[in-house]
Amino acid sequence: MSHPWVRRVLNPIRLSVLAFAGFILLGALLLMLPFSSPGPPIKFIDAFFTATSAACVTGLTVLDTGKDLSRAGQVIVLILIQVGGLGIMTMSTVWLLMAGRRPGLGIRMILQDTFTHRGDRDLGSLILDVIRFTLVLELCGAGLLFLRFVGMYPVGDALYLSVFHSVSAFCNAGFSTFSDSLEGFVGDALVSLTVAFLIVSGGIGFLVLREIKLLLWRKPGGRPCLSLHSRLVLVTSGALIGLATILVLLMEWDNTLAGLSVGEKLLASFFQAVTPRTAGFNTIPIGSMANQTLMLLLLLMFIGASSGSTGGGIKTGTLATLAAMGISRLRGYPEPKAFGRTISPGSVARAMSVTMVCATVVLVGTLLLQVTEVGSSSSAVARGRFLELLFEVVSAFGTVGLSTGITPGLTNAGKLLVTLIMFLGRLGPLVVAVAVARQRTVRFRFAEESIMIG
């Protein structure tokens, strides 16, 4: 039996963070080996950045994945993406279950909080559902992409490219073996819609996917089974994608969309409205977009995907909860309501805490990146780089992977800072949510007093 001090220090959250960090370090060391690159061995800082970006399913790159990494190096990145997308605790639990051992209570609670808002789900069936959805959707996506790639590449290469991009899309990683991401497929409906479908499927969360499956396969006359969480996620995600599609189309019509047909402009706008929700693929050049479009993408990246998904950000459920609270207060109701239900005070507290912590990390990260990248440059140069550096930080923290093109040119200090931000973005919101969920025994209360707000 372990010492109580050891159990306190190595609690489930700390263990998961250490395991994830160790997994990233292992990936970085493998990427530094000669077989991982066709040329000279990769430097540690670049290997560490790439491994972190892959494991945190971000997609920011300082290397050209298709040119600077060999097939073996790309497979290492793919494994990092798959394990990182599902989560290191999920994979650890799978290994424990396969070995006939039962995970501890702390790990079970965190996994249930990660993938479902309910605590009555059997952990084994929950993990099985997660693995099943992942494999089925990734195989379907790979099959559809193969239909396009097989006419462009040899069968073996087409199969590999299909699997790589399907896994990268479902895990919301955004890594591509093409140097220009998916810009070469800007007018290709099969590739664009398949990748967008995988991104949305991986981004709405496993609980929502499961409830959609039960809803579609329910017996005739059966009652709908969508929970309040799933309704909020679907409505919020649909509204964000629809509104963003229209805005990108209007703001980029004569800019990055110039030269495309109306249908291709609509397809590209839709795709670019989906990808900022933590995916990182692009079919139009991000660095050439107008400032107002970049601001829109910043907002979408900060919001991110949904709880229990492979994506990052503050999550759509958080946004919906805060919006419901604001609307209810403006209408004179003391509690937030949505779809005939009252959102619990605990959910509101967690939403506010996650948003506050995420905003703080983004602000501090942007300040520090200004120091490492701008330094003693003139104020005019510093102001000129502010938006692209802010974009880089939000992309890293939201585990998105979109960039205006500055990532490879970051200083070593800047790369380390962005690496840390990616790590915090992948683990931070969950850790905050679990920490806030813990209840302390209150022995007394101070006197209550109102303060002026607004």
Protein backbone atom coordinates (compact mmCIF):
# COMPACT_ATOMS: atom_id res chain seq x y z
CA MET A 1 0.00 0.00 0.00
CA SER A 2 1.39 3.40 -0.97
CA HIS A 3 2.11 6.13 1.55
CA PRO A 4 -0.74 8.70 2.04
CA TRP A 5 1.65 11.49 1.03
CA VAL A 6 2.30 9.74 -2.30
CA ARG A 7 -1.45 9.35 -2.91
CA ARG A 8 -1.99 13.06 -2.22
CA VAL A 9 0.83 14.16 -4.51
CA LEU A 10 0.07 11.72 -7.31
CA ASN A 11 -3.68 12.27 -7.53
CA PRO A 12 -5.49 11.35 -10.80
CA ILE A 13 -5.20 14.85 -12.26
CA ARG A 14 -1.46 15.11 -11.60
CA LEU A 15 -0.92 11.58 -12.87
CA SER A 16 -2.79 12.34 -16.09
CA VAL A 17 -0.76 15.52 -16.64
CA LEU A 18 2.53 13.70 -16.00
CA ALA A 19 1.53 10.79 -18.24
CA PHE A 20 0.55 13.17 -21.03
CA ALA A 21 3.81 15.10 -20.69
CA GLY A 22 5.78 11.85 -20.73
CA PHE A 23 3.92 10.70 -23.83
CA ILE A 24 4.80 13.96 -25.59
CA LEU A 25 8.46 13.68 -24.57
CA LEU A 26 8.60 10.11 -25.89
CA GLY A 27 7.12 11.28 -29.19
CA ALA A 28 9.69 14.08 -29.41
CA LEU A 29 12.58 11.66 -28.82
CA LEU A 30 11.27 9.33 -31.52
CA LEU A 31 10.98 12.22 -33.97
CA MET A 32 14.65 13.07 -33.33
CA LEU A 33 15.82 9.62 -34.47
CA PRO A 34 17.34 9.35 -37.97
CA PHE A 35 14.50 7.25 -39.41
CA SER A 36 11.95 10.02 -38.69
CA SER A 37 13.33 12.46 -41.25
CA PRO A 38 14.68 12.07 -44.81
CA GLY A 39 17.43 14.61 -44.16
CA PRO A 40 19.42 15.65 -41.07
CA PRO A 41 17.97 14.68 -37.66
CA ILE A 42 15.32 17.03 -36.33
CA LYS A 43 16.41 19.44 -33.60
CA PHE A 44 14.92 18.86 -30.15
CA ILE A 45 12.99 22.14 -30.05
CA ASP A 46 11.28 21.37 -33.37
CA ALA A 47 10.63 17.73 -32.44
CA PHE A 48 9.22 18.77 -29.05
CA PHE A 49 6.99 21.41 -30.67
CA THR A 50 5.73 18.93 -33.29
CA ALA A 51 5.07 16.18 -30.74
CA THR A 52 3.18 18.58 -28.47
CA SER A 53 1.14 19.93 -31.37
CA ALA A 54 0.23 16.39 -32.46
CA ALA A 55 -0.57 15.02 -28.99
CA CYS A 56 -2.57 18.13 -28.13
CA VAL A 57 -4.32 17.77 -31.53
CA THR A 58 -3.45 21.36 -32.40
CA GLY A 59 -1.87 21.32 -35.85
CA LEU A 60 0.58 24.22 -35.58
CA THR A 61 3.77 23.19 -37.35
CA VAL A 62 7.36 24.38 -37.52
CA LEU A 63 8.15 21.58 -39.99
CA ASP A 64 6.60 20.61 -43.31
CA THR A 65 4.94 17.32 -42.35
CA GLY A 66 5.04 15.98 -45.90
CA LYS A 67 8.63 16.99 -46.73
CA ASP A 68 10.58 17.23 -43.46
CA LEU A 69 9.25 13.97 -42.00
CA SER A 70 9.73 10.49 -43.44
CA ARG A 71 6.85 8.03 -43.61
CA ALA A 72 7.96 6.66 -40.23
CA GLY A 73 8.00 10.18 -38.76
CA GLN A 74 4.53 10.83 -40.12
CA VAL A 75 3.26 7.58 -38.56
CA ILE A 76 4.67 8.70 -35.20
CA VAL A 77 2.76 11.98 -35.59
CA LEU A 78 -0.37 10.01 -36.51
CA ILE A 79 -0.10 7.87 -33.37
CA LEU A 80 0.40 10.99 -31.26
CA ILE A 81 -2.73 12.48 -32.84
CA GLN A 82 -4.86 9.39 -32.27
CA VAL A 83 -3.85 8.84 -28.66
CA GLY A 84 -3.93 12.57 -27.91
CA GLY A 85 -7.35 12.92 -29.50
CA LEU A 86 -8.89 10.20 -27.38
CA GLY A 87 -6.97 11.33 -24.32
CA ILE A 88 -4.18 9.65 -22.43
CA MET A 89 -6.54 8.66 -19.59
CA THR A 90 -8.90 6.99 -22.04
CA MET A 91 -6.09 4.90 -23.50
CA SER A 92 -4.74 4.10 -20.03
CA THR A 93 -8.19 2.93 -18.97
CA VAL A 94 -8.44 0.73 -22.06
CA TRP A 95 -5.12 -0.89 -21.17
CA LEU A 96 -6.25 -1.45 -17.55
CA LEU A 97 -9.55 -2.99 -18.65
CA MET A 98 -7.74 -5.24 -21.12
CA ALA A 99 -5.44 -6.36 -18.30
CA GLY A 100 -8.45 -7.18 -16.14
CA ARG A 101 -7.82 -4.35 -13.67
CA ARG A 102 -10.30 -1.73 -12.50
CA PRO A 103 -9.36 1.97 -12.77
CA GLY A 104 -9.43 4.02 -9.59
CA LEU A 105 -12.39 6.14 -8.52
CA GLY A 106 -10.62 9.40 -9.40
CA ILE A 107 -9.90 8.31 -12.97
CA ARG A 108 -13.47 7.01 -13.39
CA MET A 109 -14.93 10.33 -12.22
CA ILE A 110 -12.69 12.37 -14.53
CA LEU A 111 -13.47 10.19 -17.54
CA GLN A 112 -17.20 10.38 -16.87
CA ASP A 113 -16.92 14.15 -16.51
CA THR A 114 -14.93 14.26 -19.76
CA PHE A 115 -17.29 12.26 -21.96
CA THR A 116 -20.70 12.57 -20.30
CA HIS A 117 -22.47 14.81 -17.81
CA ARG A 118 -23.97 11.75 -16.14
CA GLY A 119 -22.25 9.65 -13.52
CA ASP A 120 -24.42 6.55 -13.90
CA ARG A 121 -22.72 5.21 -17.04
CA ASP A 122 -20.64 2.07 -16.72
CA LEU A 123 -17.05 3.02 -17.50
CA GLY A 124 -16.41 -0.04 -19.65
CA SER A 125 -19.39 0.60 -21.93
CA LEU A 126 -18.55 4.31 -22.03
CA ILE A 127 -14.99 3.67 -23.23
CA LEU A 128 -16.24 1.03 -25.67
CA ASP A 129 -18.65 3.56 -27.17
CA VAL A 130 -15.84 6.10 -27.55
CA ILE A 131 -13.56 3.61 -29.32
CA ARG A 132 -16.38 2.32 -31.52
CA PHE A 133 -17.49 5.78 -32.69
CA THR A 134 -13.89 6.77 -33.36
CA LEU A 135 -13.02 3.74 -35.47
CA VAL A 136 -16.28 3.69 -37.44
CA LEU A 137 -16.22 7.38 -38.33
CA GLU A 138 -12.51 7.41 -39.14
CA LEU A 139 -12.90 4.36 -41.41
CA CYS A 140 -15.90 5.92 -43.17
CA GLY A 141 -13.98 9.15 -43.68
CA ALA A 142 -10.92 7.31 -44.96
CA GLY A 143 -13.09 5.39 -47.42
CA LEU A 144 -14.60 8.56 -48.85
CA LEU A 145 -11.23 10.31 -49.12
CA PHE A 146 -9.78 7.22 -50.80
CA LEU A 147 -12.31 7.62 -53.61
CA ARG A 148 -10.67 10.94 -54.47
CA PHE A 149 -7.02 10.15 -53.74
CA VAL A 150 -6.95 6.83 -55.62
CA GLY A 151 -7.29 8.69 -58.90
CA MET A 152 -4.39 10.99 -58.03
CA TYR A 153 -1.82 8.71 -56.35
CA PRO A 154 -0.75 5.03 -56.34
CA VAL A 155 -3.13 2.81 -54.36
CA GLY A 156 -0.79 2.44 -51.38
CA ASP A 157 -0.13 6.17 -51.12
CA ALA A 158 -3.83 6.96 -51.62
CA LEU A 159 -4.78 4.61 -48.78
CA TYR A 160 -2.15 6.11 -46.47
CA LEU A 161 -3.17 9.69 -47.26
CA SER A 162 -6.83 8.81 -46.69
CA VAL A 163 -6.19 7.28 -43.27
CA PHE A 164 -3.83 10.08 -42.19
CA HIS A 165 -6.22 12.90 -43.09
CA SER A 166 -9.28 11.06 -41.75
CA VAL A 167 -7.67 10.53 -38.33
CA SER A 168 -6.31 14.08 -38.33
CA ALA A 169 -9.74 15.50 -39.19
CA PHE A 170 -11.78 13.44 -36.69
CA CYS A 171 -9.30 14.20 -33.90
CA ASN A 172 -9.49 17.87 -34.89
CA ALA A 173 -5.71 17.93 -35.31
CA GLY A 174 -5.36 19.73 -38.62
CA PHE A 175 -2.10 18.04 -39.62
CA SER A 176 -1.73 17.48 -43.35
CA THR A 177 0.94 15.89 -45.50
CA PHE A 178 0.26 18.56 -48.13
CA SER A 179 2.44 21.67 -47.78
CA ASP A 180 -0.52 24.01 -48.35
CA SER A 181 -2.93 22.03 -46.15
CA LEU A 182 -6.03 21.45 -48.32
CA GLU A 183 -5.80 24.57 -50.49
CA GLY A 184 -5.40 22.32 -53.52
CA PHE A 185 -8.90 20.95 -52.86
CA VAL A 186 -10.67 24.29 -52.41
CA GLY A 187 -13.31 23.42 -55.01
CA ASP A 188 -13.45 19.68 -54.31
CA ALA A 189 -16.80 18.95 -52.66
CA LEU A 190 -15.95 15.33 -51.78
CA VAL A 191 -12.77 16.18 -49.88
CA SER A 192 -14.09 19.40 -48.30
CA LEU A 193 -17.41 17.94 -47.13
CA THR A 194 -15.84 14.69 -45.90
CA VAL A 195 -13.21 16.51 -43.85
CA ALA A 196 -15.83 18.97 -42.56
CA PHE A 197 -18.10 16.07 -41.53
CA LEU A 198 -15.23 14.41 -39.65
CA ILE A 199 -14.33 17.68 -37.92
CA VAL A 200 -17.90 18.28 -36.78
CA SER A 201 -18.31 14.64 -35.69
CA GLY A 202 -15.16 14.76 -33.60
CA GLY A 203 -16.00 18.21 -32.29
CA ILE A 204 -19.54 17.78 -30.99
CA GLY A 205 -18.58 15.19 -28.39
CA PHE A 206 -19.11 11.48 -27.87
CA LEU A 207 -22.19 11.94 -25.68
CA VAL A 208 -23.95 13.87 -28.45
CA LEU A 209 -22.95 11.25 -31.04
CA ARG A 210 -24.34 8.50 -28.85
CA GLU A 211 -27.63 10.30 -28.25
CA ILE A 212 -27.99 11.03 -31.98
CA LYS A 213 -27.48 7.32 -32.67
CA LEU A 214 -30.13 6.38 -30.10
CA LEU A 215 -32.48 9.01 -31.53
CA LEU A 216 -32.11 7.72 -35.09
CA TRP A 217 -32.41 4.07 -34.09
CA ARG A 218 -35.20 4.40 -31.54
CA LYS A 219 -38.25 2.21 -31.87
CA PRO A 220 -41.35 3.64 -33.62
CA GLY A 221 -43.27 5.75 -31.16
CA GLY A 222 -40.30 6.02 -28.83
CA ARG A 223 -39.59 9.31 -27.09
CA PRO A 224 -36.70 11.54 -28.25
CA CYS A 225 -33.65 11.08 -26.04
CA LEU A 226 -31.63 14.25 -26.61
CA SER A 227 -30.48 15.74 -23.33
CA LEU A 228 -30.29 19.47 -22.64
CA HIS A 229 -26.53 19.28 -23.17
CA SER A 230 -26.91 17.74 -26.62
CA ARG A 231 -29.58 20.23 -27.66
CA LEU A 232 -27.44 23.17 -26.60
CA VAL A 233 -24.39 21.74 -28.40
CA LEU A 234 -26.25 21.06 -31.66
CA VAL A 235 -28.07 24.40 -31.74
CA THR A 236 -24.98 26.41 -30.78
CA SER A 237 -22.72 24.55 -33.23
CA GLY A 238 -25.22 24.90 -36.07
CA ALA A 239 -25.72 28.60 -35.39
CA LEU A 240 -21.98 29.29 -35.23
CA ILE A 241 -21.26 27.40 -38.45
CA GLY A 242 -24.16 29.00 -40.32
CA LEU A 243 -23.38 32.55 -39.21
CA ALA A 244 -19.64 32.13 -39.79
CA THR A 245 -20.24 30.77 -43.30
CA ILE A 246 -22.22 33.87 -44.25
CA LEU A 247 -19.70 36.26 -42.70
CA VAL A 248 -16.65 34.61 -44.30
CA LEU A 249 -18.43 34.62 -47.66
CA LEU A 250 -19.22 38.34 -47.39
CA MET A 251 -15.86 39.47 -45.99
CA GLU A 252 -13.66 37.38 -48.32
CA TRP A 253 -15.77 37.56 -51.52
CA ASP A 254 -13.29 39.77 -53.40
CA ASN A 255 -10.24 38.75 -51.38
CA THR A 256 -9.17 35.12 -50.84
CA LEU A 257 -12.32 33.84 -52.56
CA ALA A 258 -11.73 35.90 -55.71
CA GLY A 259 -11.40 33.77 -58.82
CA LEU A 260 -13.66 30.99 -57.52
CA SER A 261 -17.13 30.24 -58.84
CA VAL A 262 -20.12 31.05 -56.63
CA GLY A 263 -20.48 27.40 -55.66
CA GLU A 264 -16.79 27.12 -54.81
CA LYS A 265 -16.95 30.33 -52.76
CA LEU A 266 -19.86 28.94 -50.76
CA LEU A 267 -18.06 25.60 -50.24
CA ALA A 268 -14.82 27.31 -49.18
CA SER A 269 -16.68 29.64 -46.81
CA PHE A 270 -18.50 26.71 -45.21
CA PHE A 271 -15.27 24.76 -44.80
CA GLN A 272 -13.48 27.74 -43.28
CA ALA A 273 -16.41 28.28 -40.91
CA VAL A 274 -16.05 24.70 -39.65
CA THR A 275 -12.27 24.45 -39.26
CA PRO A 276 -11.66 27.27 -36.72
CA ARG A 277 -13.65 25.17 -34.26
CA THR A 278 -10.30 23.49 -33.36
CA ALA A 279 -9.48 21.62 -36.60
CA GLY A 280 -6.82 23.73 -38.34
CA PHE A 281 -7.25 22.68 -41.96
CA ASN A 282 -7.66 25.43 -44.54
CA THR A 283 -8.62 25.59 -48.20
CA ILE A 284 -7.97 29.34 -48.52
CA PRO A 285 -4.77 31.11 -47.34
CA ILE A 286 -5.19 32.34 -43.75
CA GLY A 287 -2.33 34.83 -44.02
CA SER A 288 -4.08 36.67 -46.86
CA MET A 289 -7.41 37.09 -45.07
CA ALA A 290 -8.78 40.50 -44.11
CA ASN A 291 -8.36 41.62 -40.51
CA GLN A 292 -12.09 41.42 -39.84
CA THR A 293 -12.11 37.79 -40.98
CA LEU A 294 -9.16 37.00 -38.72
CA MET A 295 -11.07 38.53 -35.80
CA LEU A 296 -14.03 36.28 -36.61
CA LEU A 297 -11.74 33.24 -36.68
CA LEU A 298 -10.25 34.36 -33.36
CA LEU A 299 -13.68 34.28 -31.75
CA LEU A 300 -14.49 30.88 -33.23
CA MET A 301 -11.14 29.45 -32.11
CA PHE A 302 -11.65 30.72 -28.56
CA ILE A 303 -15.11 29.11 -28.40
CA GLY A 304 -13.80 25.85 -29.82
CA ALA A 305 -15.57 22.51 -29.95
CA SER A 306 -17.88 20.80 -27.46
CA SER A 307 -17.30 19.06 -24.15
CA GLY A 308 -16.32 15.40 -24.36
CA SER A 309 -14.90 15.88 -27.85
CA THR A 310 -11.43 15.78 -29.39
CA GLY A 311 -11.36 19.58 -29.69
CA GLY A 312 -10.35 22.45 -27.43
CA GLY A 313 -11.51 25.97 -26.60
CA ILE A 314 -13.91 27.01 -23.86
CA LYS A 315 -16.50 24.73 -25.53
CA THR A 316 -19.93 25.43 -27.03
CA GLY A 317 -21.69 24.31 -23.86
CA THR A 318 -19.84 26.99 -21.94
CA LEU A 319 -20.86 29.65 -24.47
CA ALA A 320 -24.48 28.48 -24.44
CA THR A 321 -24.57 28.49 -20.63
CA LEU A 322 -23.17 32.02 -20.40
CA ALA A 323 -25.52 33.24 -23.14
CA ALA A 324 -28.52 31.65 -21.42
CA MET A 325 -27.51 33.24 -18.12
CA GLY A 326 -27.14 36.68 -19.71
CA ILE A 327 -30.45 36.47 -21.58
CA SER A 328 -32.30 35.21 -18.50
CA ARG A 329 -30.92 38.02 -16.34
CA LEU A 330 -31.84 40.64 -18.95
CA ARG A 331 -35.38 39.25 -19.00
CA GLY A 332 -35.59 39.38 -15.21
CA TYR A 333 -35.24 35.67 -14.45
CA PRO A 334 -32.81 34.75 -11.64
CA GLU A 335 -31.77 31.42 -13.19
CA PRO A 336 -30.66 30.56 -16.75
CA LYS A 337 -33.18 28.53 -18.72
CA ALA A 338 -32.99 26.69 -22.04
CA PHE A 339 -35.40 24.31 -23.81
CA GLY A 340 -37.74 24.23 -20.84
CA ARG A 341 -34.99 23.34 -18.38
CA THR A 342 -33.10 25.29 -15.72
CA ILE A 343 -29.32 25.13 -16.01
CA SER A 344 -27.78 24.15 -12.68
CA PRO A 345 -25.78 26.72 -10.66
CA GLY A 346 -22.82 24.33 -10.74
CA SER A 347 -22.77 24.41 -14.54
CA VAL A 348 -22.86 28.21 -14.51
CA ALA A 349 -19.99 28.37 -12.02
CA ARG A 350 -17.87 26.03 -14.11
CA ALA A 351 -18.65 27.95 -17.30
CA MET A 352 -17.57 31.23 -15.72
CA SER A 353 -14.41 29.70 -14.22
CA VAL A 354 -13.33 28.04 -17.47
CA THR A 355 -13.91 31.23 -19.47
CA MET A 356 -12.03 33.38 -16.98
CA VAL A 357 -9.03 31.04 -16.85
CA CYS A 358 -8.91 30.64 -20.64
CA ALA A 359 -9.10 34.39 -21.23
CA THR A 360 -6.33 34.97 -18.69
CA VAL A 361 -4.03 32.42 -20.35
CA VAL A 362 -4.65 33.98 -23.78
CA LEU A 363 -3.92 37.51 -22.52
CA VAL A 364 -0.78 36.53 -20.60
CA GLY A 365 0.40 34.30 -23.46
CA THR A 366 -0.02 37.11 -25.99
CA LEU A 367 1.89 39.51 -23.73
CA LEU A 368 4.79 37.07 -23.34
CA LEU A 369 4.87 36.23 -27.05
CA GLN A 370 5.09 39.95 -27.80
CA VAL A 371 8.19 40.02 -25.60
CA THR A 372 9.86 37.00 -27.22
CA GLU A 373 9.03 37.87 -30.84
CA VAL A 374 8.92 41.68 -30.97
CA GLY A 375 11.41 42.54 -28.23
CA SER A 376 12.97 45.95 -28.78
CA SER A 377 11.36 46.54 -32.18
CA SER A 378 9.71 49.88 -32.87
CA SER A 379 6.18 50.46 -31.64
CA ALA A 380 4.92 50.51 -35.23
CA VAL A 381 6.36 47.05 -35.90
CA ALA A 382 5.03 45.75 -32.59
CA ARG A 383 1.51 47.00 -33.32
CA GLY A 384 1.71 45.54 -36.81
CA ARG A 385 2.45 42.07 -35.41
CA PHE A 386 -0.07 42.18 -32.58
CA LEU A 387 -2.95 40.55 -34.46
CA GLU A 388 -0.87 37.70 -35.89
CA LEU A 389 0.69 36.95 -32.49
CA LEU A 390 -2.72 37.05 -30.79
CA PHE A 391 -4.01 34.75 -33.53
CA GLU A 392 -1.14 32.33 -32.85
CA VAL A 393 -1.83 32.24 -29.11
CA VAL A 394 -5.58 31.71 -29.47
CA SER A 395 -4.95 29.02 -32.08
CA ALA A 396 -2.51 27.26 -29.75
CA PHE A 397 -4.72 27.49 -26.65
CA GLY A 398 -7.84 26.46 -28.57
CA THR A 399 -5.82 23.56 -30.05
CA VAL A 400 -6.85 24.74 -33.52
CA GLY A 401 -3.70 24.90 -35.62
CA LEU A 402 -4.59 27.76 -37.95
CA SER A 403 -1.80 30.28 -38.44
CA THR A 404 -1.05 33.36 -40.48
CA GLY A 405 2.26 31.71 -41.37
CA ILE A 406 4.52 32.91 -38.55
CA THR A 407 4.95 29.59 -36.69
CA PRO A 408 8.17 28.36 -38.39
CA GLY A 409 9.80 31.77 -37.84
CA LEU A 410 9.23 31.90 -34.08
CA THR A 411 12.26 32.20 -31.83
CA ASN A 412 13.17 29.21 -29.66
CA ALA A 413 11.68 31.02 -26.67
CA GLY A 414 8.52 31.67 -28.67
CA LYS A 415 8.29 28.01 -29.70
CA LEU A 416 8.62 26.88 -26.08
CA LEU A 417 5.96 29.38 -25.02
CA VAL A 418 3.53 28.24 -27.73
CA THR A 419 4.28 24.62 -26.76
CA LEU A 420 3.29 25.38 -23.16
CA ILE A 421 0.13 27.17 -24.33
CA MET A 422 -0.87 24.16 -26.44
CA PHE A 423 -0.35 21.88 -23.44
CA LEU A 424 -2.44 24.13 -21.19
CA GLY A 425 -5.11 24.39 -23.86
CA ARG A 426 -5.47 20.64 -24.07
CA LEU A 427 -5.54 19.93 -20.33
CA GLY A 428 -6.42 23.26 -18.72
CA PRO A 429 -10.20 23.55 -19.21
CA LEU A 430 -10.82 19.98 -18.00
CA VAL A 431 -8.60 20.42 -14.94
CA VAL A 432 -10.37 23.68 -14.07
CA ALA A 433 -13.80 22.11 -14.54
CA VAL A 434 -12.95 19.15 -12.30
CA ALA A 435 -11.37 21.41 -9.68
CA VAL A 436 -14.45 23.63 -9.53
CA ALA A 437 -16.68 20.57 -9.29
CA ARG A 438 -15.00 19.52 -6.04
CA GLN A 439 -17.01 20.69 -3.05
CA ARG A 440 -15.36 21.82 0.17
CA THR A 441 -17.08 21.62 3.53
CA VAL A 442 -18.14 25.14 4.56
CA ARG A 443 -17.94 25.60 8.34
CA PHE A 444 -19.13 29.22 8.32
CA ARG A 445 -20.17 32.05 5.99
CA PHE A 446 -19.15 35.69 6.00
CA ALA A 447 -21.79 38.41 6.01
CA GLU A 448 -23.23 39.07 2.56
CA GLU A 449 -22.97 42.50 0.93
CA SER A 450 -23.75 43.84 -2.54
CA ILE A 451 -21.25 45.69 -4.75
CA MET A 452 -21.74 47.97 -7.75
CA ILE A 453 -21.53 46.20 -11.12
CA GLY A 454 -21.45 47.88 -14.53
